[in-house]
Amino acid sequence: MSLENLTNHIKNFKFQLYQDQQKQADEQEAEDAKDPMKMLEKRTMQSRQEMEEMGNLEDLQESSRTKECVDTIGFLSSTDPHLAQAQRIKMMEDEDDRMARLVS
């Protein structure tokens, strides 16, 4: 048996397996359609899943909005004290330079 034949057999098997699964799912769906309680339960589960997905989406949108207005310098200053001190020193040097220009 060649590799090509083996590949074709595997593809055919997978396709047949997929068709069998679809057929079982369709039969289960038809059985569930006959039972109103099962349909209600299924719709309730779908609704819960949709609400959870909407909550996750809202969380993502909110986190995206907070990232838009992040003060990076403030954040870095609060997380790295050496950076904050370096910024203060730079500001003092700039102020000293400005004062020196005013005096001369």
PDB file of N, CA and C in Angstrom:
ATOM      1  N   MET A   1       0.852  -1.174   0.000  1.00  0.00           N
ATOM      2  CA  MET A   1       0.000   0.000   0.000  1.00  0.00           C
ATOM      3  C   MET A   1       0.895   1.234   0.000  1.00  0.00           C
ATOM      4  N   SER A   2       0.631   2.149  -0.886  1.00  0.00           N
ATOM      5  CA  SER A   2       1.474   3.335  -0.993  1.00  0.00           C
ATOM      6  C   SER A   2       1.037   4.393   0.017  1.00  0.00           C
ATOM      7  N   LEU A   3       1.887   5.351   0.186  1.00  0.00           N
ATOM      8  CA  LEU A   3       1.607   6.441   1.118  1.00  0.00           C
ATOM      9  C   LEU A   3       0.388   7.235   0.671  1.00  0.00           C
ATOM     10  N   GLU A   4       0.247   7.425  -0.618  1.00  0.00           N
ATOM     11  CA  GLU A   4      -0.901   8.165  -1.153  1.00  0.00           C
ATOM     12  C   GLU A   4      -2.204   7.427  -0.863  1.00  0.00           C
ATOM     13  N   ASN A   5      -2.209   6.108  -1.054  1.00  0.00           N
ATOM     14  CA  ASN A   5      -3.407   5.318  -0.749  1.00  0.00           C
ATOM     15  C   ASN A   5      -3.743   5.380   0.743  1.00  0.00           C
ATOM     16  N   LEU A   6      -2.704   5.271   1.555  1.00  0.00           N
ATOM     17  CA  LEU A   6      -2.912   5.341   2.995  1.00  0.00           C
ATOM     18  C   LEU A   6      -3.494   6.700   3.390  1.00  0.00           C
ATOM     19  N   THR A   7      -2.981   7.748   2.823  1.00  0.00           N
ATOM     20  CA  THR A   7      -3.490   9.094   3.096  1.00  0.00           C
ATOM     21  C   THR A   7      -4.947   9.209   2.682  1.00  0.00           C
ATOM     22  N   ASN A   8      -5.294   8.670   1.527  1.00  0.00           N
ATOM     23  CA  ASN A   8      -6.683   8.712   1.061  1.00  0.00           C
ATOM     24  C   ASN A   8      -7.604   7.912   1.988  1.00  0.00           C
ATOM     25  N   HIS A   9      -7.126   6.762   2.457  1.00  0.00           N
ATOM     26  CA  HIS A   9      -7.927   5.957   3.378  1.00  0.00           C
ATOM     27  C   HIS A   9      -8.171   6.713   4.688  1.00  0.00           C
ATOM     28  N   ILE A  10      -7.148   7.381   5.175  1.00  0.00           N
ATOM     29  CA  ILE A  10      -7.284   8.149   6.417  1.00  0.00           C
ATOM     30  C   ILE A  10      -8.282   9.285   6.222  1.00  0.00           C
ATOM     31  N   LYS A  11      -8.194  10.004   5.108  1.00  0.00           N
ATOM     32  CA  LYS A  11      -9.130  11.093   4.822  1.00  0.00           C
ATOM     33  C   LYS A  11     -10.561  10.569   4.743  1.00  0.00           C
ATOM     34  N   ASN A  12     -10.728   9.428   4.059  1.00  0.00           N
ATOM     35  CA  ASN A  12     -12.065   8.826   3.947  1.00  0.00           C
ATOM     36  C   ASN A  12     -12.603   8.416   5.314  1.00  0.00           C
ATOM     37  N   PHE A  13     -11.732   7.844   6.140  1.00  0.00           N
ATOM     38  CA  PHE A  13     -12.143   7.444   7.481  1.00  0.00           C
ATOM     39  C   PHE A  13     -12.571   8.654   8.307  1.00  0.00           C
ATOM     40  N   LYS A  14     -11.777   9.719   8.253  1.00  0.00           N
ATOM     41  CA  LYS A  14     -12.113  10.931   8.997  1.00  0.00           C
ATOM     42  C   LYS A  14     -13.429  11.522   8.511  1.00  0.00           C
ATOM     43  N   PHE A  15     -13.641  11.508   7.209  1.00  0.00           N
ATOM     44  CA  PHE A  15     -14.881  12.039   6.653  1.00  0.00           C
ATOM     45  C   PHE A  15     -16.070  11.194   7.100  1.00  0.00           C
ATOM     46  N   GLN A  16     -15.908   9.884   7.077  1.00  0.00           N
ATOM     47  CA  GLN A  16     -16.983   8.979   7.515  1.00  0.00           C
ATOM     48  C   GLN A  16     -17.275   9.189   8.997  1.00  0.00           C
ATOM     49  N   LEU A  17     -16.240   9.337   9.801  1.00  0.00           N
ATOM     50  CA  LEU A  17     -16.408   9.592  11.227  1.00  0.00           C
ATOM     51  C   LEU A  17     -17.142  10.913  11.445  1.00  0.00           C
ATOM     52  N   TYR A  18     -16.778  11.930  10.685  1.00  0.00           N
ATOM     53  CA  TYR A  18     -17.452  13.233  10.789  1.00  0.00           C
ATOM     54  C   TYR A  18     -18.933  13.108  10.421  1.00  0.00           C
ATOM     55  N   GLN A  19     -19.216  12.368   9.359  1.00  0.00           N
ATOM     56  CA  GLN A  19     -20.607  12.183   8.946  1.00  0.00           C
ATOM     57  C   GLN A  19     -21.407  11.449  10.022  1.00  0.00           C
ATOM     58  N   ASP A  20     -20.802  10.426  10.633  1.00  0.00           N
ATOM     59  CA  ASP A  20     -21.476   9.685  11.701  1.00  0.00           C
ATOM     60  C   ASP A  20     -21.763  10.592  12.899  1.00  0.00           C
ATOM     61  N   GLN A  21     -20.802  11.418  13.255  1.00  0.00           N
ATOM     62  CA  GLN A  21     -20.997  12.338  14.374  1.00  0.00           C
ATOM     63  C   GLN A  21     -22.098  13.343  14.064  1.00  0.00           C
ATOM     64  N   GLN A  22     -22.122  13.851  12.839  1.00  0.00           N
ATOM     65  CA  GLN A  22     -23.170  14.795  12.429  1.00  0.00           C
ATOM     66  C   GLN A  22     -24.542  14.120  12.487  1.00  0.00           C
ATOM     67  N   LYS A  23     -24.598  12.885  12.018  1.00  0.00           N
ATOM     68  CA  LYS A  23     -25.866  12.154  12.022  1.00  0.00           C
ATOM     69  C   LYS A  23     -26.359  11.955  13.446  1.00  0.00           C
ATOM     70  N   GLN A  24     -25.454  11.580  14.363  1.00  0.00           N
ATOM     71  CA  GLN A  24     -25.832  11.406  15.762  1.00  0.00           C
ATOM     72  C   GLN A  24     -26.290  12.726  16.371  1.00  0.00           C
ATOM     73  N   ALA A  25     -25.600  13.795  16.045  1.00  0.00           N
ATOM     74  CA  ALA A  25     -25.983  15.107  16.571  1.00  0.00           C
ATOM     75  C   ALA A  25     -27.351  15.517  16.046  1.00  0.00           C
ATOM     76  N   ASP A  26     -27.613  15.258  14.772  1.00  0.00           N
ATOM     77  CA  ASP A  26     -28.924  15.575  14.195  1.00  0.00           C
ATOM     78  C   ASP A  26     -30.030  14.755  14.838  1.00  0.00           C
ATOM     79  N   GLU A  27     -29.765  13.469  15.081  1.00  0.00           N
ATOM     80  CA  GLU A  27     -30.756  12.613  15.731  1.00  0.00           C
ATOM     81  C   GLU A  27     -31.024  13.084  17.156  1.00  0.00           C
ATOM     82  N   GLN A  28     -29.969  13.466  17.863  1.00  0.00           N
ATOM     83  CA  GLN A  28     -30.122  13.966  19.232  1.00  0.00           C
ATOM     84  C   GLN A  28     -30.917  15.269  19.230  1.00  0.00           C
ATOM     85  N   GLU A  29     -30.644  16.115  18.267  1.00  0.00           N
ATOM     86  CA  GLU A  29     -31.367  17.386  18.127  1.00  0.00           C
ATOM     87  C   GLU A  29     -32.852  17.129  17.869  1.00  0.00           C
ATOM     88  N   ALA A  30     -33.156  16.147  17.028  1.00  0.00           N
ATOM     89  CA  ALA A  30     -34.550  15.816  16.729  1.00  0.00           C
ATOM     90  C   ALA A  30     -35.252  15.278  17.971  1.00  0.00           C
ATOM     91  N   GLU A  31     -34.553  14.456  18.745  1.00  0.00           N
ATOM     92  CA  GLU A  31     -35.142  13.931  19.983  1.00  0.00           C
ATOM     93  C   GLU A  31     -35.373  15.053  20.991  1.00  0.00           C
ATOM     94  N   ASP A  32     -34.399  15.940  21.104  1.00  0.00           N
ATOM     95  CA  ASP A  32     -34.523  17.048  22.039  1.00  0.00           C
ATOM     96  C   ASP A  32     -35.655  17.995  21.634  1.00  0.00           C
ATOM     97  N   ALA A  33     -35.886  18.145  20.333  1.00  0.00           N
ATOM     98  CA  ALA A  33     -36.946  19.035  19.854  1.00  0.00           C
ATOM     99  C   ALA A  33     -38.325  18.533  20.284  1.00  0.00           C
ATOM    100  N   LYS A  34     -38.441  17.242  20.495  1.00  0.00           N
ATOM    101  CA  LYS A  34     -39.721  16.662  20.924  1.00  0.00           C
ATOM    102  C   LYS A  34     -40.002  16.924  22.399  1.00  0.00           C
ATOM    103  N   ASP A  35     -38.966  17.163  23.173  1.00  0.00           N
ATOM    104  CA  ASP A  35     -39.117  17.361  24.615  1.00  0.00           C
ATOM    105  C   ASP A  35     -38.955  18.849  24.946  1.00  0.00           C
ATOM    106  N   PRO A  36     -40.034  19.528  25.316  1.00  0.00           N
ATOM    107  CA  PRO A  36     -39.956  20.968  25.588  1.00  0.00           C
ATOM    108  C   PRO A  36     -39.028  21.311  26.756  1.00  0.00           C
ATOM    109  N   MET A  37     -38.944  20.457  27.752  1.00  0.00           N
ATOM    110  CA  MET A  37     -38.055  20.733  28.884  1.00  0.00           C
ATOM    111  C   MET A  37     -36.585  20.694  28.458  1.00  0.00           C
ATOM    112  N   LYS A  38     -36.249  19.765  27.595  1.00  0.00           N
ATOM    113  CA  LYS A  38     -34.871  19.685  27.095  1.00  0.00           C
ATOM    114  C   LYS A  38     -34.537  20.932  26.275  1.00  0.00           C
ATOM    115  N   MET A  39     -35.484  21.363  25.462  1.00  0.00           N
ATOM    116  CA  MET A  39     -35.264  22.561  24.647  1.00  0.00           C
ATOM    117  C   MET A  39     -35.091  23.787  25.547  1.00  0.00           C
ATOM    118  N   LEU A  40     -35.899  23.887  26.595  1.00  0.00           N
ATOM    119  CA  LEU A  40     -35.777  24.999  27.531  1.00  0.00           C
ATOM    120  C   LEU A  40     -34.430  24.967  28.232  1.00  0.00           C
ATOM    121  N   GLU A  41     -34.019  23.783  28.641  1.00  0.00           N
ATOM    122  CA  GLU A  41     -32.728  23.628  29.302  1.00  0.00           C
ATOM    123  C   GLU A  41     -31.592  24.031  28.364  1.00  0.00           C
ATOM    124  N   LYS A  42     -31.705  23.598  27.113  1.00  0.00           N
ATOM    125  CA  LYS A  42     -30.677  23.916  26.122  1.00  0.00           C
ATOM    126  C   LYS A  42     -30.615  25.424  25.880  1.00  0.00           C
ATOM    127  N   ARG A  43     -31.782  26.062  25.744  1.00  0.00           N
ATOM    128  CA  ARG A  43     -31.813  27.509  25.534  1.00  0.00           C
ATOM    129  C   ARG A  43     -31.267  28.256  26.744  1.00  0.00           C
ATOM    130  N   THR A  44     -31.558  27.751  27.936  1.00  0.00           N
ATOM    131  CA  THR A  44     -31.045  28.372  29.156  1.00  0.00           C
ATOM    132  C   THR A  44     -29.526  28.298  29.200  1.00  0.00           C
ATOM    133  N   MET A  45     -28.978  27.143  28.862  1.00  0.00           N
ATOM    134  CA  MET A  45     -27.522  26.994  28.833  1.00  0.00           C
ATOM    135  C   MET A  45     -26.900  27.909  27.797  1.00  0.00           C
ATOM    136  N   GLN A  46     -27.526  28.022  26.627  1.00  0.00           N
ATOM    137  CA  GLN A  46     -27.015  28.909  25.593  1.00  0.00           C
ATOM    138  C   GLN A  46     -27.053  30.358  26.062  1.00  0.00           C
ATOM    139  N   SER A  47     -28.139  30.726  26.738  1.00  0.00           N
ATOM    140  CA  SER A  47     -28.279  32.082  27.239  1.00  0.00           C
ATOM    141  C   SER A  47     -27.212  32.393  28.283  1.00  0.00           C
ATOM    142  N   ARG A  48     -26.959  31.448  29.182  1.00  0.00           N
ATOM    143  CA  ARG A  48     -25.913  31.640  30.195  1.00  0.00           C
ATOM    144  C   ARG A  48     -24.549  31.802  29.543  1.00  0.00           C
ATOM    145  N   GLN A  49     -24.297  30.988  28.536  1.00  0.00           N
ATOM    146  CA  GLN A  49     -23.016  31.060  27.844  1.00  0.00           C
ATOM    147  C   GLN A  49     -22.872  32.408  27.137  1.00  0.00           C
ATOM    148  N   GLU A  50     -23.951  32.881  26.511  1.00  0.00           N
ATOM    149  CA  GLU A  50     -23.911  34.176  25.839  1.00  0.00           C
ATOM    150  C   GLU A  50     -23.668  35.304  26.837  1.00  0.00           C
ATOM    151  N   MET A  51     -24.323  35.233  28.006  1.00  0.00           N
ATOM    152  CA  MET A  51     -24.117  36.266  29.027  1.00  0.00           C
ATOM    153  C   MET A  51     -22.677  36.249  29.533  1.00  0.00           C
ATOM    154  N   GLU A  52     -22.110  35.057  29.699  1.00  0.00           N
ATOM    155  CA  GLU A  52     -20.718  34.958  30.135  1.00  0.00           C
ATOM    156  C   GLU A  52     -19.781  35.537  29.084  1.00  0.00           C
ATOM    157  N   GLU A  53     -20.053  35.238  27.823  1.00  0.00           N
ATOM    158  CA  GLU A  53     -19.227  35.773  26.740  1.00  0.00           C
ATOM    159  C   GLU A  53     -19.342  37.291  26.662  1.00  0.00           C
ATOM    160  N   MET A  54     -20.546  37.822  26.869  1.00  0.00           N
ATOM    161  CA  MET A  54     -20.725  39.276  26.870  1.00  0.00           C
ATOM    162  C   MET A  54     -19.968  39.904  28.035  1.00  0.00           C
ATOM    163  N   GLY A  55     -19.997  39.251  29.189  1.00  0.00           N
ATOM    164  CA  GLY A  55     -19.241  39.753  30.340  1.00  0.00           C
ATOM    165  C   GLY A  55     -17.750  39.780  30.053  1.00  0.00           C
ATOM    166  N   ASN A  56     -17.256  38.711  29.434  1.00  0.00           N
ATOM    167  CA  ASN A  56     -15.835  38.672  29.072  1.00  0.00           C
ATOM    168  C   ASN A  56     -15.492  39.762  28.072  1.00  0.00           C
ATOM    169  N   LEU A  57     -16.380  39.988  27.113  1.00  0.00           N
ATOM    170  CA  LEU A  57     -16.159  41.035  26.122  1.00  0.00           C
ATOM    171  C   LEU A  57     -16.141  42.407  26.782  1.00  0.00           C
ATOM    172  N   GLU A  58     -17.069  42.643  27.705  1.00  0.00           N
ATOM    173  CA  GLU A  58     -17.094  43.923  28.412  1.00  0.00           C
ATOM    174  C   GLU A  58     -15.828  44.118  29.235  1.00  0.00           C
ATOM    175  N   ASP A  59     -15.341  43.040  29.867  1.00  0.00           N
ATOM    176  CA  ASP A  59     -14.094  43.125  30.631  1.00  0.00           C
ATOM    177  C   ASP A  59     -12.930  43.490  29.717  1.00  0.00           C
ATOM    178  N   LEU A  60     -12.882  42.877  28.544  1.00  0.00           N
ATOM    179  CA  LEU A  60     -11.822  43.199  27.586  1.00  0.00           C
ATOM    180  C   LEU A  60     -11.900  44.653  27.136  1.00  0.00           C
ATOM    181  N   GLN A  61     -13.121  45.112  26.858  1.00  0.00           N
ATOM    182  CA  GLN A  61     -13.292  46.499  26.425  1.00  0.00           C
ATOM    183  C   GLN A  61     -12.878  47.460  27.531  1.00  0.00           C
ATOM    184  N   GLU A  62     -13.242  47.150  28.764  1.00  0.00           N
ATOM    185  CA  GLU A  62     -12.886  48.024  29.880  1.00  0.00           C
ATOM    186  C   GLU A  62     -11.383  48.059  30.087  1.00  0.00           C
ATOM    187  N   SER A  63     -10.741  46.896  30.008  1.00  0.00           N
ATOM    188  CA  SER A  63      -9.290  46.868  30.177  1.00  0.00           C
ATOM    189  C   SER A  63      -8.602  47.599  29.026  1.00  0.00           C
ATOM    190  N   SER A  64      -9.198  47.528  27.848  1.00  0.00           N
ATOM    191  CA  SER A  64      -8.650  48.255  26.703  1.00  0.00           C
ATOM    192  C   SER A  64      -8.774  49.757  26.935  1.00  0.00           C
ATOM    193  N   ARG A  65      -9.918  50.180  27.470  1.00  0.00           N
ATOM    194  CA  ARG A  65     -10.113  51.605  27.747  1.00  0.00           C
ATOM    195  C   ARG A  65      -9.145  52.102  28.802  1.00  0.00           C
ATOM    196  N   THR A  66      -8.885  51.300  29.828  1.00  0.00           N
ATOM    197  CA  THR A  66      -7.968  51.744  30.870  1.00  0.00           C
ATOM    198  C   THR A  66      -6.543  51.809  30.341  1.00  0.00           C
ATOM    199  N   LYS A  67      -6.213  50.955  29.412  1.00  0.00           N
ATOM    200  CA  LYS A  67      -4.870  50.998  28.829  1.00  0.00           C
ATOM    201  C   LYS A  67      -4.674  52.242  27.988  1.00  0.00           C
ATOM    202  N   GLU A  68      -5.756  52.770  27.422  1.00  0.00           N
ATOM    203  CA  GLU A  68      -5.657  53.956  26.583  1.00  0.00           C
ATOM    204  C   GLU A  68      -5.228  55.171  27.383  1.00  0.00           C
ATOM    205  N   CYS A  69      -5.634  55.251  28.636  1.00  0.00           N
ATOM    206  CA  CYS A  69      -5.359  56.453  29.413  1.00  0.00           C
ATOM    207  C   CYS A  69      -4.359  56.189  30.537  1.00  0.00           C
ATOM    208  N   VAL A  70      -3.431  55.295  30.324  1.00  0.00           N
ATOM    209  CA  VAL A  70      -2.420  54.999  31.329  1.00  0.00           C
ATOM    210  C   VAL A  70      -1.335  56.069  31.262  1.00  0.00           C
ATOM    211  N   ASP A  71      -1.000  56.630  32.403  1.00  0.00           N
ATOM    212  CA  ASP A  71       0.088  57.597  32.517  1.00  0.00           C
ATOM    213  C   ASP A  71       1.373  56.806  32.702  1.00  0.00           C
ATOM    214  N   THR A  72       2.098  56.601  31.614  1.00  0.00           N
ATOM    215  CA  THR A  72       3.265  55.722  31.672  1.00  0.00           C
ATOM    216  C   THR A  72       4.348  56.286  32.579  1.00  0.00           C
ATOM    217  N   ILE A  73       4.568  57.595  32.545  1.00  0.00           N
ATOM    218  CA  ILE A  73       5.608  58.177  33.392  1.00  0.00           C
ATOM    219  C   ILE A  73       5.216  58.046  34.862  1.00  0.00           C
ATOM    220  N   GLY A  74       3.953  58.302  35.150  1.00  0.00           N
ATOM    221  CA  GLY A  74       3.481  58.133  36.520  1.00  0.00           C
ATOM    222  C   GLY A  74       3.594  56.692  36.973  1.00  0.00           C
ATOM    223  N   PHE A  75       3.249  55.787  36.093  1.00  0.00           N
ATOM    224  CA  PHE A  75       3.343  54.367  36.425  1.00  0.00           C
ATOM    225  C   PHE A  75       4.792  53.972  36.680  1.00  0.00           C
ATOM    226  N   LEU A  76       5.678  54.392  35.771  1.00  0.00           N
ATOM    227  CA  LEU A  76       7.080  54.047  35.943  1.00  0.00           C
ATOM    228  C   LEU A  76       7.654  54.692  37.198  1.00  0.00           C
ATOM    229  N   SER A  77       7.239  55.911  37.483  1.00  0.00           N
ATOM    230  CA  SER A  77       7.720  56.592  38.688  1.00  0.00           C
ATOM    231  C   SER A  77       7.295  55.844  39.939  1.00  0.00           C
ATOM    232  N   SER A  78       6.085  55.350  39.932  1.00  0.00           N
ATOM    233  CA  SER A  78       5.600  54.653  41.115  1.00  0.00           C
ATOM    234  C   SER A  78       6.215  53.265  41.250  1.00  0.00           C
ATOM    235  N   THR A  79       6.612  52.659  40.150  1.00  0.00           N
ATOM    236  CA  THR A  79       7.168  51.310  40.225  1.00  0.00           C
ATOM    237  C   THR A  79       8.684  51.300  40.318  1.00  0.00           C
ATOM    238  N   ASP A  80       9.356  52.356  39.852  1.00  0.00           N
ATOM    239  CA  ASP A  80      10.815  52.394  39.866  1.00  0.00           C
ATOM    240  C   ASP A  80      11.272  53.684  40.550  1.00  0.00           C
ATOM    241  N   PRO A  81      11.618  53.633  41.817  1.00  0.00           N
ATOM    242  CA  PRO A  81      11.990  54.859  42.537  1.00  0.00           C
ATOM    243  C   PRO A  81      13.253  55.505  41.978  1.00  0.00           C
ATOM    244  N   HIS A  82      14.147  54.704  41.394  1.00  0.00           N
ATOM    245  CA  HIS A  82      15.359  55.284  40.817  1.00  0.00           C
ATOM    246  C   HIS A  82      15.019  56.170  39.638  1.00  0.00           C
ATOM    247  N   LEU A  83      14.048  55.755  38.839  1.00  0.00           N
ATOM    248  CA  LEU A  83      13.615  56.557  37.708  1.00  0.00           C
ATOM    249  C   LEU A  83      12.998  57.861  38.200  1.00  0.00           C
ATOM    250  N   ALA A  84      12.200  57.807  39.246  1.00  0.00           N
ATOM    251  CA  ALA A  84      11.572  59.006  39.795  1.00  0.00           C
ATOM    252  C   ALA A  84      12.644  59.963  40.302  1.00  0.00           C
ATOM    253  N   GLN A  85      13.640  59.433  40.971  1.00  0.00           N
ATOM    254  CA  GLN A  85      14.715  60.280  41.478  1.00  0.00           C
ATOM    255  C   GLN A  85      15.500  60.887  40.321  1.00  0.00           C
ATOM    256  N   ALA A  86      15.753  60.127  39.280  1.00  0.00           N
ATOM    257  CA  ALA A  86      16.471  60.652  38.121  1.00  0.00           C
ATOM    258  C   ALA A  86      15.669  61.765  37.462  1.00  0.00           C
ATOM    259  N   GLN A  87      14.362  61.618  37.410  1.00  0.00           N
ATOM    260  CA  GLN A  87      13.528  62.668  36.828  1.00  0.00           C
ATOM    261  C   GLN A  87      13.577  63.931  37.683  1.00  0.00           C
ATOM    262  N   ARG A  88      13.566  63.762  39.013  1.00  0.00           N
ATOM    263  CA  ARG A  88      13.639  64.937  39.900  1.00  0.00           C
ATOM    264  C   ARG A  88      14.968  65.649  39.725  1.00  0.00           C
ATOM    265  N   ILE A  89      16.045  64.877  39.630  1.00  0.00           N
ATOM    266  CA  ILE A  89      17.367  65.483  39.435  1.00  0.00           C
ATOM    267  C   ILE A  89      17.401  66.238  38.113  1.00  0.00           C
ATOM    268  N   LYS A  90      16.851  65.646  37.054  1.00  0.00           N
ATOM    269  CA  LYS A  90      16.826  66.309  35.748  1.00  0.00           C
ATOM    270  C   LYS A  90      16.015  67.589  35.824  1.00  0.00           C
ATOM    271  N   MET A  91      14.869  67.541  36.502  1.00  0.00           N
ATOM    272  CA  MET A  91      14.045  68.742  36.628  1.00  0.00           C
ATOM    273  C   MET A  91      14.788  69.826  37.406  1.00  0.00           C
ATOM    274  N   MET A  92      15.532  69.442  38.461  1.00  0.00           N
ATOM    275  CA  MET A  92      16.304  70.422  39.236  1.00  0.00           C
ATOM    276  C   MET A  92      17.407  71.033  38.390  1.00  0.00           C
ATOM    277  N   GLU A  93      18.081  70.193  37.602  1.00  0.00           N
ATOM    278  CA  GLU A  93      19.139  70.709  36.739  1.00  0.00           C
ATOM    279  C   GLU A  93      18.560  71.670  35.704  1.00  0.00           C
ATOM    280  N   ASP A  94      17.412  71.322  35.138  1.00  0.00           N
ATOM    281  CA  ASP A  94      16.773  72.218  34.177  1.00  0.00           C
ATOM    282  C   ASP A  94      16.397  73.537  34.833  1.00  0.00           C
ATOM    283  N   GLU A  95      15.881  73.446  36.050  1.00  0.00           N
ATOM    284  CA  GLU A  95      15.512  74.666  36.788  1.00  0.00           C
ATOM    285  C   GLU A  95      16.752  75.502  37.085  1.00  0.00           C
ATOM    286  N   ASP A  96      17.857  74.835  37.494  1.00  0.00           N
ATOM    287  CA  ASP A  96      19.110  75.563  37.754  1.00  0.00           C
ATOM    288  C   ASP A  96      19.609  76.240  36.495  1.00  0.00           C
ATOM    289  N   ASP A  97      19.568  75.549  35.357  1.00  0.00           N
ATOM    290  CA  ASP A  97      20.004  76.139  34.091  1.00  0.00           C
ATOM    291  C   ASP A  97      19.150  77.350  33.731  1.00  0.00           C
ATOM    292  N   ARG A  98      17.860  77.227  33.949  1.00  0.00           N
ATOM    293  CA  ARG A  98      16.962  78.337  33.621  1.00  0.00           C
ATOM    294  C   ARG A  98      17.248  79.539  34.522  1.00  0.00           C
ATOM    295  N   MET A  99      17.475  79.247  35.813  1.00  0.00           N
ATOM    296  CA  MET A  99      17.795  80.352  36.748  1.00  0.00           C
ATOM    297  C   MET A  99      19.130  80.989  36.400  1.00  0.00           C
ATOM    298  N   ALA A 100      20.122  80.186  35.998  1.00  0.00           N
ATOM    299  CA  ALA A 100      21.436  80.716  35.638  1.00  0.00           C
ATOM    300  C   ALA A 100      21.311  81.622  34.419  1.00  0.00           C
ATOM    301  N   ARG A 101      20.446  81.260  33.461  1.00  0.00           N
ATOM    302  CA  ARG A 101      20.267  82.101  32.277  1.00  0.00           C
ATOM    303  C   ARG A 101      19.577  83.412  32.655  1.00  0.00           C
ATOM    304  N   LEU A 102      18.685  83.381  33.602  1.00  0.00           N
ATOM    305  CA  LEU A 102      17.982  84.583  34.039  1.00  0.00           C
ATOM    306  C   LEU A 102      18.908  85.542  34.760  1.00  0.00           C
ATOM    307  N   VAL A 103      19.829  85.001  35.559  1.00  0.00           N
ATOM    308  CA  VAL A 103      20.746  85.813  36.359  1.00  0.00           C
ATOM    309  C   VAL A 103      21.800  86.445  35.449  1.00  0.00           C
ATOM    310  N   SER A 104      22.290  85.737  34.465  1.00  0.00           N
ATOM    311  CA  SER A 104      23.357  86.274  33.619  1.00  0.00           C
ATOM    312  C   SER A 104      22.865  87.121  32.509  1.00  0.00           C
TER     313      SER A 104
END
